[in-house]
Protein backbone atom coordinates (compact mmCIF):
# COMPACT_ATOMS: atom_id res chain seq x y z
CA UNK A 1 -182.18 -3.15 40.05
CA UNK A 2 -183.82 -1.93 36.93
CA UNK A 3 -182.12 -1.96 33.59
CA UNK A 4 -181.72 1.94 33.53
CA UNK A 5 -180.00 1.83 36.97
CA UNK A 6 -177.32 -0.57 35.43
CA UNK A 7 -176.85 1.63 32.20
CA UNK A 8 -176.21 4.82 34.19
CA UNK A 9 -173.00 3.56 36.02
CA UNK A 10 -171.84 2.00 32.69
CA UNK A 11 -172.26 5.21 30.80
CA UNK A 12 -170.64 7.27 33.69
CA UNK A 13 -167.67 4.78 33.74
CA UNK A 14 -167.12 5.19 29.87
CA UNK A 15 -167.14 9.07 30.22
CA UNK A 16 -164.68 8.88 33.06
CA UNK A 17 -162.42 6.60 31.01
CA UNK A 18 -162.66 8.93 28.04
CA UNK A 19 -161.64 11.88 30.08
CA UNK A 20 -158.80 10.15 31.89
CA UNK A 21 -157.22 8.66 28.80
CA UNK A 22 -157.52 11.88 26.67
CA UNK A 23 -155.91 13.89 29.56
CA UNK A 24 -152.95 11.51 29.71
CA UNK A 25 -152.32 11.31 25.97
CA UNK A 26 -148.99 12.45 24.78
CA UNK A 27 -149.05 15.61 22.78
CA UNK A 28 -146.74 14.26 20.01
CA UNK A 29 -145.69 10.88 18.74
CA UNK A 30 -142.03 9.90 19.28
CA UNK A 31 -139.97 7.32 17.47
CA UNK A 32 -136.40 6.24 17.75
CA UNK A 33 -134.27 6.95 14.55
CA UNK A 34 -130.67 6.60 13.56
CA UNK A 35 -128.63 9.52 12.32
CA UNK A 36 -125.65 8.75 10.11
CA UNK A 37 -123.35 10.71 7.81
CA UNK A 38 -122.50 10.29 4.16
CA UNK A 39 -120.08 11.92 1.68
CA UNK A 40 -119.58 11.96 -2.09
CA UNK A 41 -117.82 8.67 -1.83
CA UNK A 42 -121.10 7.02 -0.91
CA UNK A 43 -123.12 8.68 -3.71
CA UNK A 44 -120.83 7.89 -6.67
CA UNK A 45 -123.67 6.38 -8.64
CA UNK A 46 -125.53 9.52 -8.93
CA UNK A 47 -122.50 11.85 -9.06
CA UNK A 48 -123.80 13.95 -6.10
CA UNK A 49 -127.17 14.89 -7.47
CA UNK A 50 -129.90 14.64 -4.78
CA UNK A 51 -133.49 13.59 -5.26
CA UNK A 52 -134.48 17.27 -5.46
CA UNK A 53 -132.14 17.79 -8.41
CA UNK A 54 -129.65 19.92 -6.43
CA UNK A 55 -125.92 18.95 -5.87
CA UNK A 56 -125.10 17.85 -2.30
CA UNK A 57 -123.74 20.37 -0.04
CA UNK A 58 -123.28 20.99 3.75
CA UNK A 59 -126.75 21.53 5.42
CA UNK A 60 -128.51 18.74 3.37
CA UNK A 61 -129.89 15.62 4.74
CA UNK A 62 -131.35 12.45 3.15
CA UNK A 63 -134.32 10.75 4.85
CA UNK A 64 -135.74 7.23 4.62
CA UNK A 65 -139.11 6.85 2.98
CA UNK A 66 -140.88 6.10 6.23
CA UNK A 67 -139.74 9.47 7.59
CA UNK A 68 -140.79 11.10 4.53
CA UNK A 69 -144.27 9.74 5.14
CA UNK A 70 -144.19 11.14 8.57
CA UNK A 71 -143.67 14.76 7.36
CA UNK A 72 -140.05 15.07 6.33
CA UNK A 73 -140.65 15.75 2.71
CA UNK A 74 -138.20 17.26 0.35
CA UNK A 75 -137.71 20.99 1.23
CA UNK A 76 -138.67 20.60 4.90
CA UNK A 77 -136.35 22.24 7.52
CA UNK A 78 -135.31 19.85 10.38
CA UNK A 79 -133.67 20.56 13.66
CA UNK A 80 -131.27 17.77 14.72
CA UNK A 81 -130.39 18.32 18.34
CA UNK A 82 -127.28 20.31 18.90
CA UNK A 83 -125.98 19.51 15.25
CA UNK A 84 -128.20 22.32 13.85
CA UNK A 85 -130.78 22.96 11.20
CA UNK A 86 -130.73 21.01 8.02
CA UNK A 87 -133.00 20.84 4.88
CA UNK A 88 -134.29 17.57 3.35
CA UNK A 89 -133.02 17.40 -0.21
CA UNK A 90 -132.54 13.56 -0.69
CA UNK A 91 -133.72 10.19 0.01
CA UNK A 92 -131.96 7.13 1.52
CA UNK A 93 -132.05 3.67 -0.15
CA UNK A 94 -135.58 2.17 -0.13
CA UNK A 95 -134.43 -0.53 2.43
CA UNK A 96 -133.60 2.02 5.12
CA UNK A 97 -136.10 2.64 7.84
CA UNK A 98 -135.98 5.31 10.47
CA UNK A 99 -132.74 6.85 9.02
CA UNK A 100 -131.44 10.35 8.44
CA UNK A 101 -128.18 10.82 6.62
CA UNK A 102 -126.33 14.13 7.09
CA UNK A 103 -124.12 15.20 4.08
CA UNK A 104 -120.53 15.88 5.18
CA UNK A 105 -117.58 17.01 3.06
CA UNK A 106 -114.88 14.81 4.87
CA UNK A 107 -114.99 11.01 4.76
CA UNK A 108 -113.01 10.98 8.01
CA UNK A 109 -115.61 13.16 9.78
CA UNK A 110 -118.40 10.99 8.44
CA UNK A 111 -116.72 7.88 9.83
CA UNK A 112 -116.06 9.61 13.14
CA UNK A 113 -119.68 10.68 13.31
CA UNK A 114 -120.79 7.05 13.05
CA UNK A 115 -124.36 6.08 13.91
CA UNK A 116 -126.27 8.00 16.60
CA UNK A 117 -129.63 7.35 18.15
CA UNK A 118 -132.08 10.15 18.23
CA UNK A 119 -135.77 10.68 19.11
CA UNK A 120 -137.94 11.97 16.27
CA UNK A 121 -140.89 14.03 17.56
CA UNK A 122 -143.77 13.78 15.15
CA UNK A 123 -145.75 16.87 16.12
CA UNK A 124 -149.42 16.74 16.73
CA UNK A 125 -151.30 19.70 18.29
CA UNK A 126 -148.29 20.63 20.26
CA UNK A 127 -146.68 24.10 19.69
CA UNK A 128 -143.27 24.27 18.06
CA UNK A 129 -140.48 23.17 20.40
CA UNK A 130 -137.77 25.69 21.27
CA UNK A 131 -134.36 25.52 19.51
CA UNK A 132 -132.58 24.19 22.76
CA UNK A 133 -135.24 21.33 23.37
CA UNK A 134 -132.65 18.67 23.64
CA UNK A 135 -129.43 17.16 22.29
CA UNK A 136 -130.99 13.98 21.06
CA UNK A 137 -134.32 15.37 19.64
CA UNK A 138 -135.18 15.65 15.96
CA UNK A 139 -138.12 17.65 14.96
CA UNK A 140 -139.61 19.60 12.04
CA UNK A 141 -139.27 23.38 11.82
CA UNK A 142 -141.88 24.04 9.02
């Protein structure tokens, strides 16, 4: 066989591989995160002032810095499963990774909430997910 006859199947194989792998790619990246709760009891050191300069209130969440790099910047609206829609207004301690803290007014409720596992969907080219996409999904709204 000539050299060209060997190159044609190789080129064809690389094109087929590119088509197969691109069609099986996932639309969005997913990562496992922890969702916890906090109250004014835990933020005594800053007297309830968030990283955005606002006072803590229901509907506010704090995110770890790695999630902030993935798009959860201060001011971003985030849907957390069946819990509802929240706004990022604070950051967690720099040691935390893959963590969202939901502000709650009651210390008992926060303890009862505990630590829950969720899947954070980092959107790529996929259209926005519907509001009832799943009980254990976290995704950006804006």
